[in-house]
């Protein structure tokens, strides 16, 4: 059967693409565990070994924290995981998370003697939040704040828990407090998520820009793909398609296998009428993430577009 792409059909495809998208989802919506490792003084711990294990399958992942103390582990299947974080001369900490889809935060405090109480309480809060027990998590983080009122990660995780409760006003308050104590990309990205949900796109863009500035480059000097992607998402949701497209292209240039960036770039190309280019991006997404959150939509759109 021969398919013709007249103006009416093109407009229909564009309309379907935009309606199907709704709000674009930032990196947080992917299946991954992210976190930050600090010592009891709140200083980032670089080079800590993070071991993530799933007892039920025997899967084991290992990564290290960067200069800012952060780590990211993608490609996790759903289920319960144990996490061990260790750095010689600093300490060891353990925790458990439940990956159910999306971004699971797992921050750790490494320390000894006087810091052990804070460490234990903080990690209990992380575990409670990951299990969906948000009120318990908030109580734990507030308890940790009594020991260390300058615990920016405590405020950040209170924000995460309130996001889980869909209490966006309290989440905003907690993220702002985290920024006040110690500005971080995570806290600004949290604010961007809150503002996007509330359709306050100008504020979301401002917060995302600050997050991008804090993580503008990776340790090797390249553009941070996650920062660029999240900025693109905020721009897309604000209706700034051309700017969003540039951000997704920047993401792919920094990380060619960033599946969600390929999908979003495909959507942007559909909207500007570049159907063959969009088809190529959707095909790439399907190869990179055949079971990804946008796989069904990518396949449906690719089937309508010319090669």
Protein backbone atom coordinates (compact mmCIF):
# COMPACT_ATOMS: atom_id res chain seq x y z
CA UNK A 1 0.00 0.00 0.00
CA UNK A 2 1.33 3.44 -0.89
CA UNK A 3 1.23 6.11 1.81
CA UNK A 4 0.92 9.75 0.78
CA UNK A 5 1.91 12.57 3.08
CA UNK A 6 -0.23 15.49 2.06
CA UNK A 7 -0.58 18.61 4.20
CA UNK A 8 -3.65 17.32 5.97
CA UNK A 9 -1.94 14.05 6.90
CA UNK A 10 1.13 15.89 8.14
CA UNK A 11 -0.99 18.11 10.37
CA UNK A 12 -2.68 15.03 11.75
CA UNK A 13 0.66 13.39 12.60
CA UNK A 14 1.90 16.55 14.28
CA UNK A 15 -1.31 16.81 16.29
CA UNK A 16 -1.15 13.16 17.36
CA UNK A 17 2.49 13.56 18.36
CA UNK A 18 1.85 16.61 20.50
CA UNK A 19 -1.26 15.17 22.17
CA UNK A 20 0.47 11.87 22.88
CA UNK A 21 3.42 13.58 24.51
CA UNK A 22 1.66 15.66 27.12
CA UNK A 23 4.46 16.67 29.44
CA UNK A 24 7.91 15.41 28.63
CA UNK A 25 9.57 13.53 31.43
CA UNK A 26 13.03 14.44 32.69
CA UNK A 27 15.77 11.99 33.51
CA UNK A 28 14.02 11.37 36.78
CA UNK A 29 11.36 9.37 34.99
CA UNK A 30 13.78 6.73 33.78
CA UNK A 31 14.61 3.49 35.64
CA UNK A 32 17.69 4.43 37.64
CA UNK A 33 19.16 4.94 41.09
CA UNK A 34 20.90 8.22 41.76
CA UNK A 35 22.44 9.60 44.88
CA UNK A 36 25.04 11.67 46.62
CA UNK A 37 27.62 10.53 49.13
CA UNK A 38 28.90 12.97 51.76
CA UNK A 39 30.82 12.77 54.99
CA UNK A 40 29.34 13.82 58.33
CA UNK A 41 30.33 17.44 57.66
CA UNK A 42 28.37 17.47 54.40
CA UNK A 43 31.48 17.41 52.20
CA UNK A 44 31.09 15.37 48.97
CA UNK A 45 33.06 12.10 48.98
CA UNK A 46 34.81 11.47 45.68
CA UNK A 47 35.81 7.97 44.62
CA UNK A 48 33.50 6.09 46.98
CA UNK A 49 32.65 2.64 45.61
CA UNK A 50 28.90 2.11 45.26
CA UNK A 51 27.83 -1.54 44.98
CA UNK A 52 24.21 -2.22 44.04
CA UNK A 53 22.97 -5.82 44.31
CA UNK A 54 19.65 -7.52 43.64
CA UNK A 55 19.54 -10.70 45.77
CA UNK A 56 16.62 -12.23 43.86
CA UNK A 57 18.46 -12.29 40.52
CA UNK A 58 22.09 -12.14 41.57
CA UNK A 59 22.61 -8.99 39.51
CA UNK A 60 25.41 -6.77 40.73
CA UNK A 61 26.41 -3.28 39.61
CA UNK A 62 29.35 -1.18 40.71
CA UNK A 63 30.08 2.48 40.15
CA UNK A 64 32.02 5.31 41.78
CA UNK A 65 31.12 8.76 42.97
CA UNK A 66 32.42 11.77 41.05
CA UNK A 67 34.05 14.93 42.32
CA UNK A 68 30.71 16.23 43.56
CA UNK A 69 30.01 13.00 45.43
CA UNK A 70 27.21 11.94 43.09
CA UNK A 71 26.63 8.63 41.32
CA UNK A 72 24.12 7.25 38.85
CA UNK A 73 23.26 3.65 37.98
CA UNK A 74 20.93 3.05 35.05
CA UNK A 75 19.56 -0.12 33.46
CA UNK A 76 18.01 -1.57 36.61
CA UNK A 77 15.08 -3.95 36.43
CA UNK A 78 12.29 -3.63 38.97
CA UNK A 79 12.83 -5.14 42.39
CA UNK A 80 14.56 -4.77 45.74
CA UNK A 81 18.24 -3.85 45.89
CA UNK A 82 20.84 -3.52 48.61
CA UNK A 83 23.40 -0.73 48.30
CA UNK A 84 26.80 -0.61 49.96
CA UNK A 85 28.93 2.54 49.80
CA UNK A 86 32.53 2.51 50.98
CA UNK A 87 35.59 4.74 50.93
CA UNK A 88 38.78 3.77 52.74
CA UNK A 89 39.56 6.19 55.51
CA UNK A 90 36.05 7.66 55.48
CA UNK A 91 33.66 4.83 56.27
CA UNK A 92 31.03 2.42 55.00
CA UNK A 93 27.27 2.74 54.78
CA UNK A 94 24.49 0.43 53.66
CA UNK A 95 20.88 0.83 52.63
CA UNK A 96 18.03 -0.76 50.70
CA UNK A 97 15.90 0.59 47.86
CA UNK A 98 12.92 -0.67 45.91
CA UNK A 99 13.06 0.11 42.19
CA UNK A 100 9.53 0.36 40.87
CA UNK A 101 10.16 2.52 37.83
CA UNK A 102 11.50 6.03 37.57
CA UNK A 103 14.24 7.76 39.54
CA UNK A 104 15.02 6.32 42.96
CA UNK A 105 17.10 8.59 45.24
CA UNK A 106 19.63 6.92 47.53
CA UNK A 107 21.94 9.35 49.33
CA UNK A 108 24.46 8.22 51.92
CA UNK A 109 26.52 9.75 54.70
CA UNK A 110 29.89 8.14 55.37
CA UNK A 111 31.39 8.68 58.78
CA UNK A 112 32.47 7.10 62.03
CA UNK A 113 31.98 7.54 65.78
CA UNK A 114 30.04 10.81 66.29
CA UNK A 115 28.50 10.62 62.85
CA UNK A 116 27.10 7.12 63.16
CA UNK A 117 23.76 8.26 64.64
CA UNK A 118 23.17 10.75 61.83
CA UNK A 119 24.27 8.19 59.27
CA UNK A 120 21.83 5.57 60.56
CA UNK A 121 18.87 7.96 60.80
CA UNK A 122 19.51 9.47 57.38
CA UNK A 123 19.72 6.07 55.68
CA UNK A 124 16.57 4.90 57.45
CA UNK A 125 14.86 7.92 55.91
CA UNK A 126 16.20 7.01 52.46
CA UNK A 127 14.92 3.45 52.83
CA UNK A 128 11.50 4.62 54.03
CA UNK A 129 11.18 7.05 51.11
CA UNK A 130 12.17 4.38 48.58
CA UNK A 131 9.52 2.07 50.08
CA UNK A 132 6.86 4.75 49.69
CA UNK A 133 6.57 5.45 53.43
CA UNK A 134 6.90 9.18 52.92
CA UNK A 135 5.66 10.39 56.32
CA UNK A 136 8.12 8.10 58.08
CA UNK A 137 10.89 9.29 55.77
CA UNK A 138 10.15 12.95 56.49
CA UNK A 139 10.20 12.23 60.24
CA UNK A 140 13.60 10.54 59.91
CA UNK A 141 15.12 13.40 57.92
CA UNK A 142 13.78 15.93 60.41
CA UNK A 143 15.35 13.86 63.18
CA UNK A 144 18.66 13.94 61.30
CA UNK A 145 18.36 17.72 60.99
CA UNK A 146 18.33 17.99 64.79
CA UNK A 147 21.82 16.47 64.75
CA UNK A 148 23.00 18.51 61.77
CA UNK A 149 20.82 21.56 60.96
CA UNK A 150 23.00 22.23 57.90
CA UNK A 151 22.21 18.88 56.27
CA UNK A 152 21.25 20.05 52.78
CA UNK A 153 20.65 16.44 51.68
CA UNK A 154 18.08 16.09 54.48
CA UNK A 155 16.10 19.03 53.12
CA UNK A 156 16.46 17.68 49.58
CA UNK A 157 15.10 14.29 50.59
CA UNK A 158 12.22 15.89 52.46
CA UNK A 159 11.40 17.51 49.13
CA UNK A 160 11.56 14.14 47.39
CA UNK A 161 9.23 12.58 49.96
CA UNK A 162 6.74 15.44 49.64
CA UNK A 163 6.81 15.00 45.85
CA UNK A 164 5.84 11.38 46.54
CA UNK A 165 2.92 12.67 48.64
CA UNK A 166 2.04 15.16 45.89
CA UNK A 167 2.39 17.94 48.44
CA UNK A 168 4.10 20.32 46.05
CA UNK A 169 4.02 23.38 48.32
CA UNK A 170 5.99 21.59 51.04
CA UNK A 171 8.29 20.06 48.44
CA UNK A 172 9.03 23.53 47.09
CA UNK A 173 9.73 24.78 50.61
CA UNK A 174 12.14 21.90 51.30
CA UNK A 175 14.02 22.28 48.01
CA UNK A 176 14.39 26.02 48.59
CA UNK A 177 15.82 25.31 52.05
CA UNK A 178 18.26 22.83 50.52
CA UNK A 179 19.39 25.49 48.04
CA UNK A 180 19.73 28.02 50.86
CA UNK A 181 21.99 25.70 52.86
CA UNK A 182 24.01 24.45 49.90
CA UNK A 183 23.04 25.07 46.25
CA UNK A 184 22.97 21.86 44.22
CA UNK A 185 21.77 20.72 40.83
CA UNK A 186 19.56 18.07 42.48
CA UNK A 187 17.70 20.66 44.54
CA UNK A 188 17.22 22.97 41.57
CA UNK A 189 16.03 20.05 39.43
CA UNK A 190 13.57 19.24 42.23
CA UNK A 191 12.24 22.79 42.05
CA UNK A 192 12.00 22.51 38.28
CA UNK A 193 9.89 19.35 38.65
CA UNK A 194 7.59 21.06 41.17
CA UNK A 195 7.11 24.10 38.94
CA UNK A 196 6.55 21.96 35.83
CA UNK A 197 3.82 20.01 37.63
CA UNK A 198 2.21 23.31 38.65
CA UNK A 199 2.57 24.62 35.07
CA UNK A 200 4.78 27.47 36.27
CA UNK A 201 7.01 27.07 33.24
CA UNK A 202 9.00 30.30 33.60
CA UNK A 203 10.02 29.36 37.14
CA UNK A 204 10.74 25.79 36.00
CA UNK A 205 13.00 27.07 33.24
CA UNK A 206 14.84 29.35 35.67
CA UNK A 207 15.42 26.51 38.15
CA UNK A 208 16.51 24.12 35.41
CA UNK A 209 18.94 26.71 34.07
CA UNK A 210 20.56 27.04 37.50
CA UNK A 211 20.81 23.25 37.75
CA UNK A 212 22.44 23.13 34.33
CA UNK A 213 24.93 25.81 35.36
CA UNK A 214 25.93 23.76 38.40
CA UNK A 215 26.43 20.63 36.30
CA UNK A 216 27.41 22.29 33.03
CA UNK A 217 30.24 19.89 32.44
CA UNK A 218 31.29 16.42 33.43
CA UNK A 219 34.69 15.93 35.12
CA UNK A 220 36.23 15.38 31.67
CA UNK A 221 35.06 18.76 30.47
CA UNK A 222 32.19 17.57 28.25
CA UNK A 223 28.61 18.80 28.46
CA UNK A 224 26.56 16.98 31.10
CA UNK A 225 23.95 15.04 29.07
CA UNK A 226 21.44 14.81 31.92
CA UNK A 227 21.63 18.55 32.58
CA UNK A 228 21.15 19.33 28.89
CA UNK A 229 18.27 16.86 28.61
CA UNK A 230 16.44 18.20 31.65
CA UNK A 231 16.83 21.72 30.30
CA UNK A 232 15.32 20.53 27.02
CA UNK A 233 12.36 19.00 28.83
CA UNK A 234 11.61 22.26 30.63
CA UNK A 235 11.88 24.23 27.37
CA UNK A 236 9.60 21.73 25.60
CA UNK A 237 6.96 21.96 28.31
CA UNK A 238 7.16 25.74 28.07
CA UNK A 239 6.41 25.52 24.35
CA UNK A 240 9.91 26.64 23.28
CA UNK A 241 10.31 23.83 20.75
CA UNK A 242 13.30 25.16 18.80
CA UNK A 243 15.31 25.74 21.99
CA UNK A 244 14.27 22.34 23.32
CA UNK A 245 15.39 20.70 20.09
CA UNK A 246 18.83 22.29 20.43
CA UNK A 247 19.10 20.97 24.00
CA UNK A 248 18.18 17.43 22.92
CA UNK A 249 20.76 17.60 20.12
CA UNK A 250 23.33 18.75 22.67
CA UNK A 251 22.40 15.81 24.89
CA UNK A 252 22.91 13.32 22.06
CA UNK A 253 26.22 14.92 21.07
CA UNK A 254 27.45 14.35 24.65
CA UNK A 255 25.85 10.91 25.04
CA UNK A 256 24.83 9.24 21.72
CA UNK A 257 23.01 6.39 23.48
CA UNK A 258 20.70 8.69 25.49
CA UNK A 259 17.47 7.02 24.39
CA UNK A 260 14.99 9.54 25.76
CA UNK A 261 16.82 12.41 24.04
CA UNK A 262 16.43 10.61 20.70
CA UNK A 263 12.70 10.22 21.34
CA UNK A 264 12.24 13.86 22.28
CA UNK A 265 14.31 15.00 19.30
CA UNK A 266 12.04 12.89 17.11
CA UNK A 267 9.01 14.68 18.51
CA UNK A 268 10.62 18.05 17.84
CA UNK A 269 11.41 17.05 14.25
CA UNK A 270 7.82 15.95 13.71
CA UNK A 271 6.66 19.35 14.82
CA UNK A 272 8.91 21.12 12.33
CA UNK A 273 7.85 18.79 9.52
CA UNK A 274 11.09 16.81 9.16
CA UNK A 275 9.38 13.43 8.99
CA UNK A 276 12.33 11.38 7.73
CA UNK A 277 14.56 12.82 10.43
CA UNK A 278 11.91 12.06 13.04
CA UNK A 279 11.60 8.48 11.78
CA UNK A 280 15.36 8.01 12.17
CA UNK A 281 15.24 9.26 15.77
CA UNK A 282 12.29 7.01 16.68
CA UNK A 283 14.06 4.00 15.11
CA UNK A 284 17.17 4.80 17.16
CA UNK A 285 15.09 5.04 20.32
CA UNK A 286 13.52 1.64 19.64
CA UNK A 287 16.98 0.07 19.19
CA UNK A 288 18.32 1.65 22.38
CA UNK A 289 15.25 1.10 24.55
CA UNK A 290 12.96 -1.56 23.02
CA UNK A 291 11.08 -1.80 26.31
CA UNK A 292 11.48 1.84 27.31
CA UNK A 293 8.65 4.06 28.59
CA UNK A 294 8.10 5.55 25.13
CA UNK A 295 8.72 2.40 23.08
CA UNK A 296 5.07 1.81 22.13
CA UNK A 297 4.58 5.43 21.09
CA UNK A 298 7.84 5.48 19.14
CA UNK A 299 6.86 2.35 17.22
CA UNK A 300 3.41 3.72 16.44
CA UNK A 301 4.79 7.02 15.16
CA UNK A 302 7.62 5.37 13.18
CA UNK A 303 5.07 3.19 11.40
CA UNK A 304 3.38 6.33 10.03
CA UNK A 305 6.52 8.09 8.88
CA UNK A 306 8.64 7.69 5.73
CA UNK A 307 12.14 6.23 5.91
